[in-house]
Amino acid sequence: MKRSRTKWLLWALVPAGLLLVAAANAHLVYVAIQSQPECVEHSKSVGDGHGYRAAKPAC
């Protein structure tokens, strides 16, 4: 009796854990697609010394 209960518990917990991991990954993909970071001010020249310097600024 105890062995069948343990087996049933494993068959219930493993898919539940996989579903939880899949839902967390789906949420991360959703957040990555929906977020649109605005342009941050960056230095245009090398010698400025303050702010950010983008390799290829898009804005």
N, C-alpha and C. Protein backbone atom coordinates (compact mmCIF):
# COMPACT_ATOMS: atom_id res chain seq x y z
N MET A 1 0.83 -1.19 0.00
CA MET A 1 0.00 0.00 0.00
C MET A 1 0.88 1.26 0.00
N LYS A 2 1.93 1.28 0.83
CA LYS A 2 2.78 2.45 0.94
C LYS A 2 3.53 2.72 -0.37
N ARG A 3 3.95 1.67 -1.05
CA ARG A 3 4.70 1.83 -2.29
C ARG A 3 3.82 2.44 -3.38
N SER A 4 2.56 2.05 -3.46
CA SER A 4 1.68 2.60 -4.49
C SER A 4 1.37 4.08 -4.21
N ARG A 5 1.31 4.46 -2.95
CA ARG A 5 1.08 5.86 -2.61
C ARG A 5 2.29 6.71 -3.02
N THR A 6 3.50 6.19 -2.80
CA THR A 6 4.71 6.90 -3.17
C THR A 6 4.80 7.03 -4.69
N LYS A 7 4.46 5.97 -5.39
CA LYS A 7 4.49 6.00 -6.85
C LYS A 7 3.48 7.01 -7.39
N TRP A 8 2.29 7.05 -6.82
CA TRP A 8 1.28 8.00 -7.23
C TRP A 8 1.74 9.43 -6.97
N LEU A 9 2.40 9.64 -5.84
CA LEU A 9 2.89 10.97 -5.49
C LEU A 9 3.96 11.43 -6.48
N LEU A 10 4.86 10.54 -6.87
CA LEU A 10 5.87 10.89 -7.86
C LEU A 10 5.23 11.22 -9.20
N TRP A 11 4.24 10.44 -9.62
CA TRP A 11 3.57 10.70 -10.89
C TRP A 11 2.80 12.01 -10.85
N ALA A 12 2.47 12.51 -9.70
CA ALA A 12 1.78 13.80 -9.59
C ALA A 12 2.77 14.96 -9.47
N LEU A 13 3.86 14.77 -8.74
CA LEU A 13 4.80 15.86 -8.48
C LEU A 13 5.72 16.18 -9.66
N VAL A 14 6.15 15.17 -10.38
CA VAL A 14 7.08 15.41 -11.49
C VAL A 14 6.42 16.27 -12.58
N PRO A 15 5.24 15.94 -13.06
CA PRO A 15 4.61 16.84 -14.05
C PRO A 15 4.30 18.23 -13.49
N ALA A 16 3.94 18.30 -12.21
CA ALA A 16 3.67 19.60 -11.60
C ALA A 16 4.94 20.45 -11.58
N GLY A 17 6.07 19.85 -11.27
CA GLY A 17 7.34 20.58 -11.28
C GLY A 17 7.73 21.02 -12.67
N LEU A 18 7.53 20.16 -13.66
CA LEU A 18 7.83 20.53 -15.05
C LEU A 18 6.92 21.65 -15.53
N LEU A 19 5.67 21.62 -15.13
CA LEU A 19 4.74 22.68 -15.49
C LEU A 19 5.15 24.01 -14.85
N LEU A 20 5.62 23.95 -13.62
CA LEU A 20 6.09 25.16 -12.94
C LEU A 20 7.30 25.76 -13.65
N VAL A 21 8.24 24.93 -14.07
CA VAL A 21 9.43 25.41 -14.78
C VAL A 21 9.03 26.00 -16.13
N ALA A 22 8.13 25.35 -16.83
CA ALA A 22 7.67 25.85 -18.13
C ALA A 22 6.95 27.19 -17.97
N ALA A 23 6.13 27.33 -16.93
CA ALA A 23 5.42 28.59 -16.71
C ALA A 23 6.40 29.70 -16.35
N ALA A 24 7.42 29.42 -15.57
CA ALA A 24 8.41 30.43 -15.21
C ALA A 24 9.18 30.88 -16.45
N ASN A 25 9.55 29.95 -17.31
CA ASN A 25 10.25 30.31 -18.55
C ASN A 25 9.36 31.12 -19.48
N ALA A 26 8.10 30.75 -19.58
CA ALA A 26 7.17 31.50 -20.41
C ALA A 26 7.03 32.93 -19.89
N HIS A 27 6.99 33.09 -18.59
CA HIS A 27 6.90 34.43 -18.00
C HIS A 27 8.15 35.25 -18.32
N LEU A 28 9.32 34.64 -18.25
CA LEU A 28 10.56 35.36 -18.57
C LEU A 28 10.59 35.79 -20.03
N VAL A 29 10.13 34.94 -20.93
CA VAL A 29 10.08 35.29 -22.35
C VAL A 29 9.09 36.44 -22.55
N TYR A 30 7.94 36.38 -21.91
CA TYR A 30 6.94 37.43 -22.03
C TYR A 30 7.50 38.77 -21.55
N VAL A 31 8.15 38.79 -20.42
CA VAL A 31 8.71 40.02 -19.88
C VAL A 31 9.81 40.55 -20.80
N ALA A 32 10.63 39.68 -21.34
CA ALA A 32 11.70 40.11 -22.24
C ALA A 32 11.14 40.72 -23.52
N ILE A 33 10.06 40.19 -24.02
CA ILE A 33 9.46 40.72 -25.25
C ILE A 33 8.73 42.03 -24.98
N GLN A 34 8.05 42.14 -23.85
CA GLN A 34 7.25 43.32 -23.56
C GLN A 34 8.06 44.52 -23.09
N SER A 35 9.24 44.31 -22.54
CA SER A 35 10.02 45.44 -22.01
C SER A 35 10.69 46.17 -23.16
N GLN A 36 10.57 47.46 -23.14
CA GLN A 36 11.18 48.32 -24.15
C GLN A 36 12.00 49.38 -23.41
N PRO A 37 13.24 49.09 -23.10
CA PRO A 37 14.02 50.09 -22.37
C PRO A 37 14.24 51.34 -23.22
N GLU A 38 14.11 52.47 -22.58
CA GLU A 38 14.33 53.73 -23.29
C GLU A 38 15.81 53.95 -23.48
N CYS A 39 16.12 54.86 -24.37
CA CYS A 39 17.52 55.19 -24.59
C CYS A 39 18.09 55.89 -23.36
N VAL A 40 19.29 55.53 -23.01
CA VAL A 40 19.97 56.21 -21.91
C VAL A 40 21.01 57.14 -22.51
N GLU A 41 21.23 58.24 -21.82
CA GLU A 41 22.22 59.19 -22.31
C GLU A 41 23.60 58.56 -22.22
N HIS A 42 24.37 58.69 -23.27
CA HIS A 42 25.69 58.09 -23.30
C HIS A 42 26.69 59.07 -23.90
N SER A 43 27.94 58.83 -23.60
CA SER A 43 29.01 59.69 -24.12
C SER A 43 29.18 59.45 -25.60
N LYS A 44 29.38 60.50 -26.34
CA LYS A 44 29.60 60.38 -27.78
C LYS A 44 31.07 60.17 -28.10
N SER A 45 31.95 60.63 -27.22
CA SER A 45 33.38 60.49 -27.50
C SER A 45 34.06 59.67 -26.41
N VAL A 46 35.24 59.20 -26.71
CA VAL A 46 35.98 58.33 -25.81
C VAL A 46 36.45 59.09 -24.56
N GLY A 47 36.88 60.33 -24.72
CA GLY A 47 37.49 61.05 -23.62
C GLY A 47 36.54 61.76 -22.68
N ASP A 48 35.24 61.57 -22.82
CA ASP A 48 34.28 62.26 -21.96
C ASP A 48 34.44 61.90 -20.49
N GLY A 49 34.53 60.62 -20.20
CA GLY A 49 34.77 60.16 -18.84
C GLY A 49 33.53 60.01 -17.97
N HIS A 50 32.37 60.35 -18.46
CA HIS A 50 31.16 60.16 -17.66
C HIS A 50 30.05 59.60 -18.55
N GLY A 51 29.09 58.96 -17.93
CA GLY A 51 27.98 58.38 -18.68
C GLY A 51 28.36 57.05 -19.33
N TYR A 52 27.51 56.63 -20.23
CA TYR A 52 27.70 55.36 -20.94
C TYR A 52 28.17 55.64 -22.36
N ARG A 53 28.94 54.76 -22.90
CA ARG A 53 29.38 54.88 -24.29
C ARG A 53 28.93 53.62 -25.03
N ALA A 54 28.03 53.79 -25.96
CA ALA A 54 27.49 52.66 -26.72
C ALA A 54 28.42 52.33 -27.88
N ALA A 55 28.53 51.07 -28.21
CA ALA A 55 29.34 50.66 -29.35
C ALA A 55 28.70 51.17 -30.64
N LYS A 56 27.39 50.94 -30.79
CA LYS A 56 26.65 51.46 -31.94
C LYS A 56 25.34 52.03 -31.38
N PRO A 57 25.31 53.33 -31.07
CA PRO A 57 24.10 53.89 -30.49
C PRO A 57 22.93 53.81 -31.47
N ALA A 58 21.77 53.42 -30.97
CA ALA A 58 20.59 53.28 -31.81
C ALA A 58 19.68 54.50 -31.70
N CYS A 59 20.00 55.46 -30.84
CA CYS A 59 19.12 56.61 -30.67
C CYS A 59 19.91 57.90 -30.70
